[in-house]
Amino acid sequence: MRQPSNSDDPALRQGLRAIPPGLHLVSTPIGAARDITLRALDILAAADVLVAEDTRTLRHLLEIHGVALSGRPLIAHHDHSGEASLRGLLALLAEGKSMAYASEAGTPLISDPGFELARAVAAAGLPISAAPGPCAAICALTLSGLPSDRFLFAGFPPAASAARKTFLTEVAPIPATLILYESPRRLAPLLTDMARILGPERQAAICRELTKKFEDVTRGTLGTLAEAYETEIVKGEVVVLVDRSTIVAPGAEDLAMALREALQTMSVKDAVGFVSHNLGIPRKLVYKTALDVDRD
């Protein structure tokens, strides 16, 4: 049997040092291909196995930067890949393979696939590391002009109107800059609901097509932005940022007192809705407190 030589190692063939075994989460550009890091390119060039949310996108990125596959497997894995795919990847890692995972754009797991794989690898006690890089949420935060010392990445808001309003009511009182991703076709209704629930005077920013040719950042109050985007046809990737709440959240005693007063003339359901709206506290929290007050 022929003994493997150095030429069988893709990393050595490309003049690179082999990377350690385990899962390597690789951040990829969100627009400009040159935003990829040198370390990310090293990992993509040397990993035994390449895994991607979209293999076509990763293959194109490799071609742009002159990284050869050299016979290495390029495997698709995303949220709908299923248990069989996950078990197959874990088996490769258990064999001591080095594996690079890249989402279609940006940092894996940040509103992108990869979470189940990363969690399974960690649970199995297998090595896992990350090559940090582009992230639309952080890029938008730096351009927004809004406070960056404390922020909440809230992901995609629900598409359904009622669920979206509940979601916005829950995040409204949070004293941190809010960062959301949204589909361009749902931007207008989202801004309308935000202006009503978070307040029309709250400062916000809309960031589109970050790092791309038609990058655009629009700043203003939620009221003016809702009006501006009401009929505008929006294209491209969208990040919505909203300034932190300046409302001082009432304490437990204040909440209980407000509920006791409301329950004197209202049902539990009506009292919860009334107090939640007036104090800007999520209905779930108010309802839980209302049950305790009602028992007393």
C-alpha atoms as a PDB file:
ATOM      1  CA  MET A   1       0.000   0.000   0.000  1.00  0.00           C
ATOM      2  CA  ARG A   2       1.302   3.457  -0.950  1.00  0.00           C
ATOM      3  CA  GLN A   3       2.183   5.601   2.044  1.00  0.00           C
ATOM      4  CA  PRO A   4       0.621   9.103   1.978  1.00  0.00           C
ATOM      5  CA  SER A   5       3.084  11.812   1.079  1.00  0.00           C
ATOM      6  CA  ASN A   6       3.157  15.523   1.829  1.00  0.00           C
ATOM      7  CA  SER A   7       1.571  16.157  -1.560  1.00  0.00           C
ATOM      8  CA  ASP A   8      -1.634  14.478  -0.285  1.00  0.00           C
ATOM      9  CA  ASP A   9      -2.105  17.251   2.274  1.00  0.00           C
ATOM     10  CA  PRO A  10      -4.024  20.217   0.695  1.00  0.00           C
ATOM     11  CA  ALA A  11      -2.481  22.616   3.211  1.00  0.00           C
ATOM     12  CA  LEU A  12       1.061  21.536   2.386  1.00  0.00           C
ATOM     13  CA  ARG A  13       0.363  21.614  -1.354  1.00  0.00           C
ATOM     14  CA  GLN A  14      -0.603  25.279  -1.019  1.00  0.00           C
ATOM     15  CA  GLY A  15       2.355  26.107   1.181  1.00  0.00           C
ATOM     16  CA  LEU A  16       0.222  26.504   4.321  1.00  0.00           C
ATOM     17  CA  ARG A  17       0.481  25.085   7.791  1.00  0.00           C
ATOM     18  CA  ALA A  18      -2.247  22.618   8.690  1.00  0.00           C
ATOM     19  CA  ILE A  19      -4.902  24.017  11.038  1.00  0.00           C
ATOM     20  CA  PRO A  20      -5.934  22.195  14.240  1.00  0.00           C
ATOM     21  CA  PRO A  21      -8.686  19.569  14.143  1.00  0.00           C
ATOM     22  CA  GLY A  22     -12.192  20.696  15.030  1.00  0.00           C
ATOM     23  CA  LEU A  23     -14.905  23.023  13.808  1.00  0.00           C
ATOM     24  CA  HIS A  24     -13.784  26.487  12.663  1.00  0.00           C
ATOM     25  CA  LEU A  25     -16.620  29.022  12.268  1.00  0.00           C
ATOM     26  CA  VAL A  26     -15.562  31.393   9.502  1.00  0.00           C
ATOM     27  CA  SER A  27     -17.066  34.860   8.998  1.00  0.00           C
ATOM     28  CA  THR A  28     -17.431  35.825   5.346  1.00  0.00           C
ATOM     29  CA  PRO A  29     -18.036  39.210   3.651  1.00  0.00           C
ATOM     30  CA  ILE A  30     -21.524  40.730   3.755  1.00  0.00           C
ATOM     31  CA  GLY A  31     -20.859  42.586   0.513  1.00  0.00           C
ATOM     32  CA  ALA A  32     -17.324  43.582  -0.424  1.00  0.00           C
ATOM     33  CA  ALA A  33     -15.293  40.416  -1.080  1.00  0.00           C
ATOM     34  CA  ARG A  34     -12.096  42.085   0.152  1.00  0.00           C
ATOM     35  CA  ASP A  35     -13.511  42.321   3.684  1.00  0.00           C
ATOM     36  CA  ILE A  36     -12.564  38.715   4.379  1.00  0.00           C
ATOM     37  CA  THR A  37      -9.746  38.328   6.894  1.00  0.00           C
ATOM     38  CA  LEU A  38      -6.367  36.751   6.233  1.00  0.00           C
ATOM     39  CA  ARG A  39      -7.028  34.204   8.954  1.00  0.00           C
ATOM     40  CA  ALA A  40     -10.327  33.231   7.338  1.00  0.00           C
ATOM     41  CA  LEU A  41      -8.534  32.637   4.043  1.00  0.00           C
ATOM     42  CA  ASP A  42      -5.904  30.530   5.799  1.00  0.00           C
ATOM     43  CA  ILE A  43      -8.607  28.341   7.333  1.00  0.00           C
ATOM     44  CA  LEU A  44     -10.545  27.992   4.086  1.00  0.00           C
ATOM     45  CA  ALA A  45      -7.354  27.050   2.267  1.00  0.00           C
ATOM     46  CA  ALA A  46      -6.151  24.483   4.809  1.00  0.00           C
ATOM     47  CA  ALA A  47      -9.256  22.834   6.318  1.00  0.00           C
ATOM     48  CA  ASP A  48      -9.785  19.157   5.520  1.00  0.00           C
ATOM     49  CA  VAL A  49     -13.505  19.703   4.955  1.00  0.00           C
ATOM     50  CA  LEU A  50     -15.445  22.799   3.876  1.00  0.00           C
ATOM     51  CA  VAL A  51     -19.066  23.214   4.944  1.00  0.00           C
ATOM     52  CA  ALA A  52     -21.329  26.034   3.804  1.00  0.00           C
ATOM     53  CA  GLU A  53     -24.884  27.309   4.071  1.00  0.00           C
ATOM     54  CA  ASP A  54     -24.700  27.838   0.289  1.00  0.00           C
ATOM     55  CA  THR A  55     -21.909  25.970  -1.509  1.00  0.00           C
ATOM     56  CA  ARG A  56     -22.247  28.143  -4.617  1.00  0.00           C
ATOM     57  CA  THR A  57     -21.584  31.311  -2.631  1.00  0.00           C
ATOM     58  CA  LEU A  58     -18.549  29.840  -0.866  1.00  0.00           C
ATOM     59  CA  ARG A  59     -17.190  28.369  -4.097  1.00  0.00           C
ATOM     60  CA  HIS A  60     -17.423  31.813  -5.728  1.00  0.00           C
ATOM     61  CA  LEU A  61     -15.639  33.425  -2.769  1.00  0.00           C
ATOM     62  CA  LEU A  62     -12.852  30.850  -3.000  1.00  0.00           C
ATOM     63  CA  GLU A  63     -12.455  31.565  -6.712  1.00  0.00           C
ATOM     64  CA  ILE A  64     -12.237  35.320  -6.102  1.00  0.00           C
ATOM     65  CA  HIS A  65      -9.380  34.835  -3.627  1.00  0.00           C
ATOM     66  CA  GLY A  66      -7.625  32.063  -5.521  1.00  0.00           C
ATOM     67  CA  VAL A  67      -8.226  29.349  -2.917  1.00  0.00           C
ATOM     68  CA  ALA A  68      -8.274  25.893  -4.529  1.00  0.00           C
ATOM     69  CA  LEU A  69     -10.493  23.067  -3.336  1.00  0.00           C
ATOM     70  CA  SER A  70      -7.779  20.560  -4.275  1.00  0.00           C
ATOM     71  CA  GLY A  71     -10.184  17.656  -4.083  1.00  0.00           C
ATOM     72  CA  ARG A  72     -11.501  18.504  -0.629  1.00  0.00           C
ATOM     73  CA  PRO A  73     -15.216  17.915   0.076  1.00  0.00           C
ATOM     74  CA  LEU A  74     -17.501  20.964  -0.028  1.00  0.00           C
ATOM     75  CA  ILE A  75     -20.683  20.057   1.875  1.00  0.00           C
ATOM     76  CA  ALA A  76     -23.951  21.995   2.114  1.00  0.00           C
ATOM     77  CA  HIS A  77     -25.403  22.279   5.613  1.00  0.00           C
ATOM     78  CA  HIS A  78     -28.196  24.620   6.673  1.00  0.00           C
ATOM     79  CA  ASP A  79     -31.281  24.789   8.872  1.00  0.00           C
ATOM     80  CA  HIS A  80     -33.126  22.202   6.777  1.00  0.00           C
ATOM     81  CA  SER A  81     -30.321  19.684   6.339  1.00  0.00           C
ATOM     82  CA  GLY A  82     -31.623  17.334   9.022  1.00  0.00           C
ATOM     83  CA  GLU A  83     -30.154  14.946  11.565  1.00  0.00           C
ATOM     84  CA  ALA A  84     -28.395  12.720   9.025  1.00  0.00           C
ATOM     85  CA  SER A  85     -26.300  15.632   7.790  1.00  0.00           C
ATOM     86  CA  LEU A  86     -25.480  16.682  11.348  1.00  0.00           C
ATOM     87  CA  ARG A  87     -24.405  13.177  12.325  1.00  0.00           C
ATOM     88  CA  GLY A  88     -22.202  12.942   9.240  1.00  0.00           C
ATOM     89  CA  LEU A  89     -20.369  16.154  10.092  1.00  0.00           C
ATOM     90  CA  LEU A  90     -19.896  15.101  13.714  1.00  0.00           C
ATOM     91  CA  ALA A  91     -18.439  11.802  12.522  1.00  0.00           C
ATOM     92  CA  LEU A  92     -15.860  13.626  10.413  1.00  0.00           C
ATOM     93  CA  LEU A  93     -14.879  15.807  13.377  1.00  0.00           C
ATOM     94  CA  ALA A  94     -14.624  12.729  15.607  1.00  0.00           C
ATOM     95  CA  GLU A  95     -12.101  11.324  13.120  1.00  0.00           C
ATOM     96  CA  GLY A  96      -9.889  14.333  13.805  1.00  0.00           C
ATOM     97  CA  LYS A  97     -10.721  16.318  10.685  1.00  0.00           C
ATOM     98  CA  SER A  98     -10.445  20.104  10.554  1.00  0.00           C
ATOM     99  CA  MET A  99     -13.695  21.617   9.297  1.00  0.00           C
ATOM    100  CA  ALA A 100     -14.456  25.178   8.168  1.00  0.00           C
ATOM    101  CA  TYR A 101     -18.087  26.284   8.326  1.00  0.00           C
ATOM    102  CA  ALA A 102     -19.216  29.462   6.523  1.00  0.00           C
ATOM    103  CA  SER A 103     -22.675  31.019   6.349  1.00  0.00           C
ATOM    104  CA  GLU A 104     -23.785  32.678   3.116  1.00  0.00           C
ATOM    105  CA  ALA A 105     -22.663  36.078   4.380  1.00  0.00           C
ATOM    106  CA  GLY A 106     -21.463  37.472   7.693  1.00  0.00           C
ATOM    107  CA  THR A 107     -20.842  35.714  10.984  1.00  0.00           C
ATOM    108  CA  PRO A 108     -22.225  32.176  11.370  1.00  0.00           C
ATOM    109  CA  LEU A 109     -25.056  31.779  13.921  1.00  0.00           C
ATOM    110  CA  ILE A 110     -25.973  35.524  13.810  1.00  0.00           C
ATOM    111  CA  SER A 111     -29.397  35.066  12.168  1.00  0.00           C
ATOM    112  CA  ASP A 112     -27.659  32.484   9.972  1.00  0.00           C
ATOM    113  CA  PRO A 113     -27.476  28.675  10.085  1.00  0.00           C
ATOM    114  CA  GLY A 114     -24.839  26.865  12.081  1.00  0.00           C
ATOM    115  CA  PHE A 115     -26.258  27.004  15.597  1.00  0.00           C
ATOM    116  CA  GLU A 116     -27.333  23.358  15.758  1.00  0.00           C
ATOM    117  CA  LEU A 117     -23.956  22.237  14.399  1.00  0.00           C
ATOM    118  CA  ALA A 118     -21.997  24.416  16.823  1.00  0.00           C
ATOM    119  CA  ARG A 119     -24.133  23.299  19.775  1.00  0.00           C
ATOM    120  CA  ALA A 120     -23.767  19.625  18.837  1.00  0.00           C
ATOM    121  CA  VAL A 121     -19.989  19.974  18.475  1.00  0.00           C
ATOM    122  CA  ALA A 122     -19.720  21.658  21.876  1.00  0.00           C
ATOM    123  CA  ALA A 123     -21.975  19.045  23.489  1.00  0.00           C
ATOM    124  CA  ALA A 124     -19.790  16.275  22.062  1.00  0.00           C
ATOM    125  CA  GLY A 125     -16.701  17.844  23.614  1.00  0.00           C
ATOM    126  CA  LEU A 126     -15.080  18.334  20.211  1.00  0.00           C
ATOM    127  CA  PRO A 127     -12.851  21.356  19.468  1.00  0.00           C
ATOM    128  CA  ILE A 128     -14.557  24.507  18.194  1.00  0.00           C
ATOM    129  CA  SER A 129     -13.157  27.943  17.378  1.00  0.00           C
ATOM    130  CA  ALA A 130     -14.129  31.036  15.419  1.00  0.00           C
ATOM    131  CA  ALA A 131     -12.423  33.325  12.932  1.00  0.00           C
ATOM    132  CA  PRO A 132     -14.238  36.629  13.572  1.00  0.00           C
ATOM    133  CA  GLY A 133     -15.009  39.058  10.816  1.00  0.00           C
ATOM    134  CA  PRO A 134     -17.875  40.838   9.030  1.00  0.00           C
ATOM    135  CA  CYS A 135     -21.247  41.154  10.769  1.00  0.00           C
ATOM    136  CA  ALA A 136     -24.072  43.341   9.446  1.00  0.00           C
ATOM    137  CA  ALA A 137     -25.389  44.123  12.946  1.00  0.00           C
ATOM    138  CA  ILE A 138     -22.069  45.499  14.204  1.00  0.00           C
ATOM    139  CA  CYS A 139     -21.323  47.300  10.949  1.00  0.00           C
ATOM    140  CA  ALA A 140     -24.720  49.027  11.110  1.00  0.00           C
ATOM    141  CA  LEU A 141     -24.230  49.966  14.766  1.00  0.00           C
ATOM    142  CA  THR A 142     -20.971  51.748  13.988  1.00  0.00           C
ATOM    143  CA  LEU A 143     -22.665  53.765  11.212  1.00  0.00           C
ATOM    144  CA  SER A 144     -25.952  54.523  12.943  1.00  0.00           C
ATOM    145  CA  GLY A 145     -24.854  57.368  15.190  1.00  0.00           C
ATOM    146  CA  LEU A 146     -26.727  55.698  18.057  1.00  0.00           C
ATOM    147  CA  PRO A 147     -25.208  54.724  21.436  1.00  0.00           C
ATOM    148  CA  SER A 148     -22.979  51.663  21.107  1.00  0.00           C
ATOM    149  CA  ASP A 149     -21.974  51.035  24.736  1.00  0.00           C
ATOM    150  CA  ARG A 150     -25.027  48.809  25.245  1.00  0.00           C
ATOM    151  CA  PHE A 151     -27.071  47.169  22.517  1.00  0.00           C
ATOM    152  CA  LEU A 152     -29.482  44.274  21.926  1.00  0.00           C
ATOM    153  CA  PHE A 153     -29.433  42.255  18.727  1.00  0.00           C
ATOM    154  CA  ALA A 154     -33.073  41.179  18.401  1.00  0.00           C
ATOM    155  CA  GLY A 155     -32.839  39.353  15.062  1.00  0.00           C
ATOM    156  CA  PHE A 156     -35.818  39.283  12.700  1.00  0.00           C
ATOM    157  CA  PRO A 157     -39.142  40.496  14.148  1.00  0.00           C
ATOM    158  CA  PRO A 158     -42.167  38.237  13.518  1.00  0.00           C
ATOM    159  CA  ALA A 159     -43.784  38.611  10.101  1.00  0.00           C
ATOM    160  CA  ALA A 160     -47.375  38.454  11.391  1.00  0.00           C
ATOM    161  CA  SER A 161     -48.760  41.810  12.505  1.00  0.00           C
ATOM    162  CA  ALA A 162     -50.079  40.744  15.926  1.00  0.00           C
ATOM    163  CA  ALA A 163     -46.925  38.831  16.828  1.00  0.00           C
ATOM    164  CA  ARG A 164     -44.758  41.726  15.656  1.00  0.00           C
ATOM    165  CA  LYS A 165     -46.618  44.181  17.883  1.00  0.00           C
ATOM    166  CA  THR A 166     -46.216  41.887  20.887  1.00  0.00           C
ATOM    167  CA  PHE A 167     -42.509  41.549  20.099  1.00  0.00           C
ATOM    168  CA  LEU A 168     -42.069  45.332  19.874  1.00  0.00           C
ATOM    169  CA  THR A 169     -43.972  45.878  23.139  1.00  0.00           C
ATOM    170  CA  GLU A 170     -41.563  43.518  24.899  1.00  0.00           C
ATOM    171  CA  VAL A 171     -38.376  45.205  23.598  1.00  0.00           C
ATOM    172  CA  ALA A 172     -39.684  48.794  23.847  1.00  0.00           C
ATOM    173  CA  PRO A 173     -38.550  49.501  27.450  1.00  0.00           C
ATOM    174  CA  ILE A 174     -35.066  47.965  27.089  1.00  0.00           C
ATOM    175  CA  PRO A 175     -32.383  50.617  27.874  1.00  0.00           C
ATOM    176  CA  ALA A 176     -30.116  49.636  24.981  1.00  0.00           C
ATOM    177  CA  THR A 177     -29.852  50.379  21.276  1.00  0.00           C
ATOM    178  CA  LEU A 178     -32.042  47.845  19.454  1.00  0.00           C
ATOM    179  CA  ILE A 179     -30.725  46.134  16.304  1.00  0.00           C
ATOM    180  CA  LEU A 180     -33.097  44.239  14.013  1.00  0.00           C
ATOM    181  CA  TYR A 181     -32.861  42.606  10.617  1.00  0.00           C
ATOM    182  CA  GLU A 182     -35.855  42.949   8.312  1.00  0.00           C
ATOM    183  CA  SER A 183     -37.022  41.983   4.846  1.00  0.00           C
ATOM    184  CA  PRO A 184     -37.231  45.047   2.556  1.00  0.00           C
ATOM    185  CA  ARG A 185     -40.879  44.279   1.751  1.00  0.00           C
ATOM    186  CA  ARG A 186     -41.805  44.346   5.465  1.00  0.00           C
ATOM    187  CA  LEU A 187     -39.838  47.475   6.368  1.00  0.00           C
ATOM    188  CA  ALA A 188     -42.764  49.907   6.019  1.00  0.00           C
ATOM    189  CA  PRO A 189     -45.193  48.053   8.339  1.00  0.00           C
ATOM    190  CA  LEU A 190     -42.390  47.466  10.841  1.00  0.00           C
ATOM    191  CA  LEU A 191     -41.571  51.189  11.017  1.00  0.00           C
ATOM    192  CA  THR A 192     -45.262  52.059  11.343  1.00  0.00           C
ATOM    193  CA  ASP A 193     -45.650  49.687  14.296  1.00  0.00           C
ATOM    194  CA  MET A 194     -42.397  50.924  15.836  1.00  0.00           C
ATOM    195  CA  ALA A 195     -43.539  54.552  15.696  1.00  0.00           C
ATOM    196  CA  ARG A 196     -46.809  53.640  17.424  1.00  0.00           C
ATOM    197  CA  ILE A 197     -45.379  51.338  20.089  1.00  0.00           C
ATOM    198  CA  LEU A 198     -41.881  52.719  20.763  1.00  0.00           C
ATOM    199  CA  GLY A 199     -42.866  56.346  20.137  1.00  0.00           C
ATOM    200  CA  PRO A 200     -42.588  58.582  17.022  1.00  0.00           C
ATOM    201  CA  GLU A 201     -39.830  60.747  18.530  1.00  0.00           C
ATOM    202  CA  ARG A 202     -37.416  57.913  19.247  1.00  0.00           C
ATOM    203  CA  GLN A 203     -34.248  58.187  17.143  1.00  0.00           C
ATOM    204  CA  ALA A 204     -33.524  55.423  14.650  1.00  0.00           C
ATOM    205  CA  ALA A 205     -31.448  54.514  11.603  1.00  0.00           C
ATOM    206  CA  ILE A 206     -32.078  52.386   8.518  1.00  0.00           C
ATOM    207  CA  CYS A 207     -28.943  50.785   7.025  1.00  0.00           C
ATOM    208  CA  ARG A 208     -29.170  49.140   3.596  1.00  0.00           C
ATOM    209  CA  GLU A 209     -26.737  47.231   1.386  1.00  0.00           C
ATOM    210  CA  LEU A 210     -23.847  47.616   3.828  1.00  0.00           C
ATOM    211  CA  THR A 211     -20.355  47.517   2.238  1.00  0.00           C
ATOM    212  CA  LYS A 212     -21.938  47.273  -1.222  1.00  0.00           C
ATOM    213  CA  LYS A 213     -22.014  49.797  -4.079  1.00  0.00           C
ATOM    214  CA  PHE A 214     -25.376  51.302  -3.096  1.00  0.00           C
ATOM    215  CA  GLU A 215     -24.809  51.406   0.675  1.00  0.00           C
ATOM    216  CA  ASP A 216     -27.248  53.807   2.316  1.00  0.00           C
ATOM    217  CA  VAL A 217     -27.805  54.985   5.901  1.00  0.00           C
ATOM    218  CA  THR A 218     -30.899  57.057   6.723  1.00  0.00           C
ATOM    219  CA  ARG A 219     -31.250  58.569  10.187  1.00  0.00           C
ATOM    220  CA  GLY A 220     -34.185  60.271  11.877  1.00  0.00           C
ATOM    221  CA  THR A 221     -37.066  59.759  14.279  1.00  0.00           C
ATOM    222  CA  LEU A 222     -39.260  56.692  13.945  1.00  0.00           C
ATOM    223  CA  GLY A 223     -42.111  58.970  12.963  1.00  0.00           C
ATOM    224  CA  THR A 224     -40.264  60.606  10.074  1.00  0.00           C
ATOM    225  CA  LEU A 225     -38.754  57.311   8.916  1.00  0.00           C
ATOM    226  CA  ALA A 226     -42.149  55.579   8.968  1.00  0.00           C
ATOM    227  CA  GLU A 227     -43.567  58.361   6.829  1.00  0.00           C
ATOM    228  CA  ALA A 228     -40.580  58.362   4.445  1.00  0.00           C
ATOM    229  CA  TYR A 229     -40.686  54.602   3.830  1.00  0.00           C
ATOM    230  CA  GLU A 230     -44.487  54.275   3.738  1.00  0.00           C
ATOM    231  CA  THR A 231     -44.624  54.092  -0.068  1.00  0.00           C
ATOM    232  CA  GLU A 232     -40.951  53.675  -1.000  1.00  0.00           C
ATOM    233  CA  ILE A 233     -39.875  50.496  -2.802  1.00  0.00           C
ATOM    234  CA  VAL A 234     -36.937  49.154  -0.813  1.00  0.00           C
ATOM    235  CA  LYS A 235     -34.356  46.698  -2.109  1.00  0.00           C
ATOM    236  CA  GLY A 236     -31.408  44.907  -0.548  1.00  0.00           C
ATOM    237  CA  GLU A 237     -30.457  43.768   2.929  1.00  0.00           C
ATOM    238  CA  VAL A 238     -31.866  45.971   5.721  1.00  0.00           C
ATOM    239  CA  VAL A 239     -30.771  46.611   9.306  1.00  0.00           C
ATOM    240  CA  VAL A 240     -33.009  48.715  11.569  1.00  0.00           C
ATOM    241  CA  LEU A 241     -31.584  50.365  14.696  1.00  0.00           C
ATOM    242  CA  VAL A 242     -33.503  52.247  17.390  1.00  0.00           C
ATOM    243  CA  ASP A 243     -32.189  54.371  20.238  1.00  0.00           C
ATOM    244  CA  ARG A 244     -32.463  53.046  23.772  1.00  0.00           C
ATOM    245  CA  SER A 245     -35.521  53.615  25.893  1.00  0.00           C
ATOM    246  CA  THR A 246     -35.268  56.528  28.309  1.00  0.00           C
ATOM    247  CA  ILE A 247     -38.316  55.429  30.301  1.00  0.00           C
ATOM    248  CA  VAL A 248     -37.487  54.472  33.852  1.00  0.00           C
ATOM    249  CA  ALA A 249     -39.061  51.091  34.419  1.00  0.00           C
ATOM    250  CA  PRO A 250     -41.409  51.031  37.413  1.00  0.00           C
ATOM    251  CA  GLY A 251     -40.483  48.837  40.330  1.00  0.00           C
ATOM    252  CA  ALA A 252     -42.369  45.769  41.491  1.00  0.00           C
ATOM    253  CA  GLU A 253     -44.249  47.733  44.150  1.00  0.00           C
ATOM    254  CA  ASP A 254     -45.377  50.373  41.623  1.00  0.00           C
ATOM    255  CA  LEU A 255     -46.587  47.653  39.261  1.00  0.00           C
ATOM    256  CA  ALA A 256     -48.501  45.849  41.991  1.00  0.00           C
ATOM    257  CA  MET A 257     -50.119  49.108  43.136  1.00  0.00           C
ATOM    258  CA  ALA A 258     -51.193  49.982  39.576  1.00  0.00           C
ATOM    259  CA  LEU A 259     -52.722  46.536  39.169  1.00  0.00           C
ATOM    260  CA  ARG A 260     -54.607  46.701  42.478  1.00  0.00           C
ATOM    261  CA  GLU A 261     -56.195  49.989  41.425  1.00  0.00           C
ATOM    262  CA  ALA A 262     -57.103  48.665  37.976  1.00  0.00           C
ATOM    263  CA  LEU A 263     -58.529  45.396  39.319  1.00  0.00           C
ATOM    264  CA  GLN A 264     -61.046  47.318  41.426  1.00  0.00           C
ATOM    265  CA  THR A 265     -62.989  48.212  38.265  1.00  0.00           C
ATOM    266  CA  MET A 266     -61.650  45.839  35.577  1.00  0.00           C
ATOM    267  CA  SER A 267     -61.305  42.159  34.833  1.00  0.00           C
ATOM    268  CA  VAL A 268     -57.820  40.625  35.066  1.00  0.00           C
ATOM    269  CA  LYS A 269     -57.494  40.636  31.270  1.00  0.00           C
ATOM    270  CA  ASP A 270     -58.517  44.300  30.926  1.00  0.00           C
ATOM    271  CA  ALA A 271     -56.367  45.365  33.884  1.00  0.00           C
ATOM    272  CA  VAL A 272     -53.319  43.648  32.407  1.00  0.00           C
ATOM    273  CA  GLY A 273     -53.821  45.374  29.053  1.00  0.00           C
ATOM    274  CA  PHE A 274     -54.408  48.755  30.696  1.00  0.00           C
ATOM    275  CA  VAL A 275     -51.365  48.615  32.982  1.00  0.00           C
ATOM    276  CA  SER A 276     -49.121  47.116  30.312  1.00  0.00           C
ATOM    277  CA  HIS A 277     -49.951  49.974  27.934  1.00  0.00           C
ATOM    278  CA  ASN A 278     -49.666  52.753  30.518  1.00  0.00           C
ATOM    279  CA  LEU A 279     -46.418  51.591  32.118  1.00  0.00           C
ATOM    280  CA  GLY A 280     -44.766  50.193  28.991  1.00  0.00           C
ATOM    281  CA  ILE A 281     -44.216  46.761  30.557  1.00  0.00           C
ATOM    282  CA  PRO A 282     -44.567  43.491  28.605  1.00  0.00           C
ATOM    283  CA  ARG A 283     -47.990  41.865  29.057  1.00  0.00           C
ATOM    284  CA  LYS A 284     -46.453  38.559  30.175  1.00  0.00           C
ATOM    285  CA  LEU A 285     -44.769  40.202  33.156  1.00  0.00           C
ATOM    286  CA  VAL A 286     -47.871  42.226  34.046  1.00  0.00           C
ATOM    287  CA  TYR A 287     -50.093  39.134  33.797  1.00  0.00           C
ATOM    288  CA  LYS A 288     -47.824  37.137  36.113  1.00  0.00           C
ATOM    289  CA  THR A 289     -47.909  39.940  38.687  1.00  0.00           C
ATOM    290  CA  ALA A 290     -51.687  40.300  38.261  1.00  0.00           C
ATOM    291  CA  LEU A 291     -52.230  36.662  39.198  1.00  0.00           C
ATOM    292  CA  ASP A 292     -50.254  37.155  42.410  1.00  0.00           C
ATOM    293  CA  VAL A 293     -52.142  40.362  43.236  1.00  0.00           C
ATOM    294  CA  ASP A 294     -55.515  38.733  42.489  1.00  0.00           C
ATOM    295  CA  ARG A 295     -54.708  35.832  44.860  1.00  0.00           C
ATOM    296  CA  ASP A 296     -53.891  38.313  47.629  1.00  0.00           C
END
